[in-house]
Amino acid sequence: MIEVIKKPVITEKATKLGELGQYVFEVTPASNKIEIKKAIQEMFEVEVVSVRTVRIKGKIKSRFTRKGVQRGRTQLRKKAYVTLKKGQTIDIVAGAAG
């Protein structure tokens, strides 16, 4: 179950949502909402009300080298917006603060 969640997303928008009881996680693209909900509940011992997911397509990147232009793509990513039961919180930045 823990393999479903890659890492928490810590951005300005995500921290504002954290004040409202919503948290953002980067998850594996093959995972579904039910797996994400179970993984969050097991990992942080909280009650999840809802899960919203969004898929982010990879961007086309190119760079100029001696051999010419090299083109490629970044990987597809998937984010999950998790809403917790009122009054519950997740301390995401506890590991980064120490």
C-alpha atoms as a PDB file:
ATOM      1  CA  MET A   1       0.000   0.000   0.000  1.00  0.00           C
ATOM      2  CA  ILE A   2       2.791   2.429   0.823  1.00  0.00           C
ATOM      3  CA  GLU A   3       4.159   2.100  -2.741  1.00  0.00           C
ATOM      4  CA  VAL A   4       1.072   4.015  -3.951  1.00  0.00           C
ATOM      5  CA  ILE A   5       2.227   7.308  -2.418  1.00  0.00           C
ATOM      6  CA  LYS A   6       5.487   8.718  -3.803  1.00  0.00           C
ATOM      7  CA  LYS A   7       5.834  11.988  -1.872  1.00  0.00           C
ATOM      8  CA  PRO A   8       3.856  14.923  -0.527  1.00  0.00           C
ATOM      9  CA  VAL A   9       3.646  18.020  -2.699  1.00  0.00           C
ATOM     10  CA  ILE A  10       4.880  21.069  -0.804  1.00  0.00           C
ATOM     11  CA  THR A  11       4.017  24.199  -2.776  1.00  0.00           C
ATOM     12  CA  GLU A  12       2.372  27.482  -1.919  1.00  0.00           C
ATOM     13  CA  LYS A  13      -0.998  26.254  -3.172  1.00  0.00           C
ATOM     14  CA  ALA A  14      -0.669  22.948  -1.306  1.00  0.00           C
ATOM     15  CA  THR A  15       0.124  24.668   1.998  1.00  0.00           C
ATOM     16  CA  LYS A  16      -2.925  26.933   1.631  1.00  0.00           C
ATOM     17  CA  LEU A  17      -5.075  23.836   1.029  1.00  0.00           C
ATOM     18  CA  GLY A  18      -3.530  22.237   4.133  1.00  0.00           C
ATOM     19  CA  GLU A  19      -5.137  24.934   6.265  1.00  0.00           C
ATOM     20  CA  LEU A  20      -8.519  23.830   4.871  1.00  0.00           C
ATOM     21  CA  GLY A  21      -7.909  20.152   5.674  1.00  0.00           C
ATOM     22  CA  GLN A  22      -6.817  19.141   2.164  1.00  0.00           C
ATOM     23  CA  TYR A  23      -3.399  17.647   1.392  1.00  0.00           C
ATOM     24  CA  VAL A  24      -1.664  16.995  -1.926  1.00  0.00           C
ATOM     25  CA  PHE A  25       0.414  13.885  -2.676  1.00  0.00           C
ATOM     26  CA  GLU A  26       2.210  12.657  -5.763  1.00  0.00           C
ATOM     27  CA  VAL A  27       1.069   9.081  -6.406  1.00  0.00           C
ATOM     28  CA  THR A  28       1.835   6.345  -8.911  1.00  0.00           C
ATOM     29  CA  PRO A  29      -0.038   6.847 -12.199  1.00  0.00           C
ATOM     30  CA  ALA A  30      -1.576   3.354 -12.036  1.00  0.00           C
ATOM     31  CA  SER A  31      -3.179   3.868  -8.605  1.00  0.00           C
ATOM     32  CA  ASN A  32      -6.869   4.556  -8.163  1.00  0.00           C
ATOM     33  CA  LYS A  33      -8.807   6.574  -5.569  1.00  0.00           C
ATOM     34  CA  ILE A  34      -9.630   3.560  -3.385  1.00  0.00           C
ATOM     35  CA  GLU A  35      -5.960   2.506  -3.141  1.00  0.00           C
ATOM     36  CA  ILE A  36      -4.902   6.092  -2.373  1.00  0.00           C
ATOM     37  CA  LYS A  37      -7.534   6.408   0.365  1.00  0.00           C
ATOM     38  CA  LYS A  38      -6.450   3.138   2.030  1.00  0.00           C
ATOM     39  CA  ALA A  39      -2.754   4.071   1.831  1.00  0.00           C
ATOM     40  CA  ILE A  40      -3.290   7.507   3.421  1.00  0.00           C
ATOM     41  CA  GLN A  41      -5.453   6.059   6.200  1.00  0.00           C
ATOM     42  CA  GLU A  42      -2.878   3.360   7.021  1.00  0.00           C
ATOM     43  CA  MET A  43       0.138   5.623   6.773  1.00  0.00           C
ATOM     44  CA  PHE A  44      -1.091   8.643   8.765  1.00  0.00           C
ATOM     45  CA  GLU A  45      -3.924   7.044  10.815  1.00  0.00           C
ATOM     46  CA  VAL A  46      -6.533   9.616   9.772  1.00  0.00           C
ATOM     47  CA  GLU A  47     -10.021   9.389   8.259  1.00  0.00           C
ATOM     48  CA  VAL A  48     -10.211  10.398   4.585  1.00  0.00           C
ATOM     49  CA  VAL A  49     -13.458  11.979   3.390  1.00  0.00           C
ATOM     50  CA  SER A  50     -12.683  12.301  -0.321  1.00  0.00           C
ATOM     51  CA  VAL A  51      -9.909  11.889  -2.885  1.00  0.00           C
ATOM     52  CA  ARG A  52      -9.590  13.854  -6.119  1.00  0.00           C
ATOM     53  CA  THR A  53      -6.940  12.935  -8.686  1.00  0.00           C
ATOM     54  CA  VAL A  54      -5.362  14.771 -11.601  1.00  0.00           C
ATOM     55  CA  ARG A  55      -3.023  13.443 -14.294  1.00  0.00           C
ATOM     56  CA  ILE A  56      -0.272  15.765 -15.519  1.00  0.00           C
ATOM     57  CA  LYS A  57       1.004  15.015 -19.010  1.00  0.00           C
ATOM     58  CA  GLY A  58       4.749  15.036 -19.576  1.00  0.00           C
ATOM     59  CA  LYS A  59       6.263  18.087 -21.256  1.00  0.00           C
ATOM     60  CA  ILE A  60       8.362  17.965 -24.408  1.00  0.00           C
ATOM     61  CA  LYS A  61      11.911  19.062 -23.634  1.00  0.00           C
ATOM     62  CA  SER A  62      14.770  19.789 -26.028  1.00  0.00           C
ATOM     63  CA  ARG A  63      18.365  20.807 -25.537  1.00  0.00           C
ATOM     64  CA  PHE A  64      21.172  21.747 -27.859  1.00  0.00           C
ATOM     65  CA  THR A  65      24.332  19.641 -27.752  1.00  0.00           C
ATOM     66  CA  ARG A  66      27.381  19.076 -29.962  1.00  0.00           C
ATOM     67  CA  LYS A  67      25.591  16.214 -31.698  1.00  0.00           C
ATOM     68  CA  GLY A  68      22.567  18.386 -32.432  1.00  0.00           C
ATOM     69  CA  VAL A  69      19.180  18.866 -30.861  1.00  0.00           C
ATOM     70  CA  GLN A  70      18.127  16.143 -28.432  1.00  0.00           C
ATOM     71  CA  ARG A  71      14.411  15.851 -27.785  1.00  0.00           C
ATOM     72  CA  GLY A  72      12.601  13.963 -25.081  1.00  0.00           C
ATOM     73  CA  ARG A  73       9.648  13.971 -22.716  1.00  0.00           C
ATOM     74  CA  THR A  74       9.216  14.210 -18.974  1.00  0.00           C
ATOM     75  CA  GLN A  75       7.198  11.454 -17.353  1.00  0.00           C
ATOM     76  CA  LEU A  76       3.472  11.439 -16.753  1.00  0.00           C
ATOM     77  CA  ARG A  77       2.666  12.357 -13.138  1.00  0.00           C
ATOM     78  CA  LYS A  78      -0.430  11.923 -11.032  1.00  0.00           C
ATOM     79  CA  LYS A  79      -1.433  14.015  -8.011  1.00  0.00           C
ATOM     80  CA  ALA A  80      -4.067  13.243  -5.404  1.00  0.00           C
ATOM     81  CA  TYR A  81      -5.917  15.915  -3.428  1.00  0.00           C
ATOM     82  CA  VAL A  82      -6.983  14.257  -0.167  1.00  0.00           C
ATOM     83  CA  THR A  83      -9.648  15.801   2.090  1.00  0.00           C
ATOM     84  CA  LEU A  84      -9.614  14.719   5.726  1.00  0.00           C
ATOM     85  CA  LYS A  85     -12.386  14.587   8.290  1.00  0.00           C
ATOM     86  CA  LYS A  86     -12.869  17.946  10.031  1.00  0.00           C
ATOM     87  CA  GLY A  87     -10.448  18.462  12.911  1.00  0.00           C
ATOM     88  CA  GLN A  88      -7.805  15.995  11.680  1.00  0.00           C
ATOM     89  CA  THR A  89      -4.406  17.031  10.316  1.00  0.00           C
ATOM     90  CA  ILE A  90      -1.283  15.517   8.779  1.00  0.00           C
ATOM     91  CA  ASP A  91       2.112  16.906   9.763  1.00  0.00           C
ATOM     92  CA  ILE A  92       3.862  16.665   6.396  1.00  0.00           C
ATOM     93  CA  VAL A  93       6.849  18.947   7.018  1.00  0.00           C
ATOM     94  CA  ALA A  94       7.877  17.318  10.337  1.00  0.00           C
ATOM     95  CA  GLY A  95      10.712  15.391   8.679  1.00  0.00           C
ATOM     96  CA  ALA A  96      11.978  18.417   6.711  1.00  0.00           C
ATOM     97  CA  ALA A  97      12.053  20.730   9.741  1.00  0.00           C
ATOM     98  CA  GLY A  98      14.549  18.653  11.745  1.00  0.00           C
END
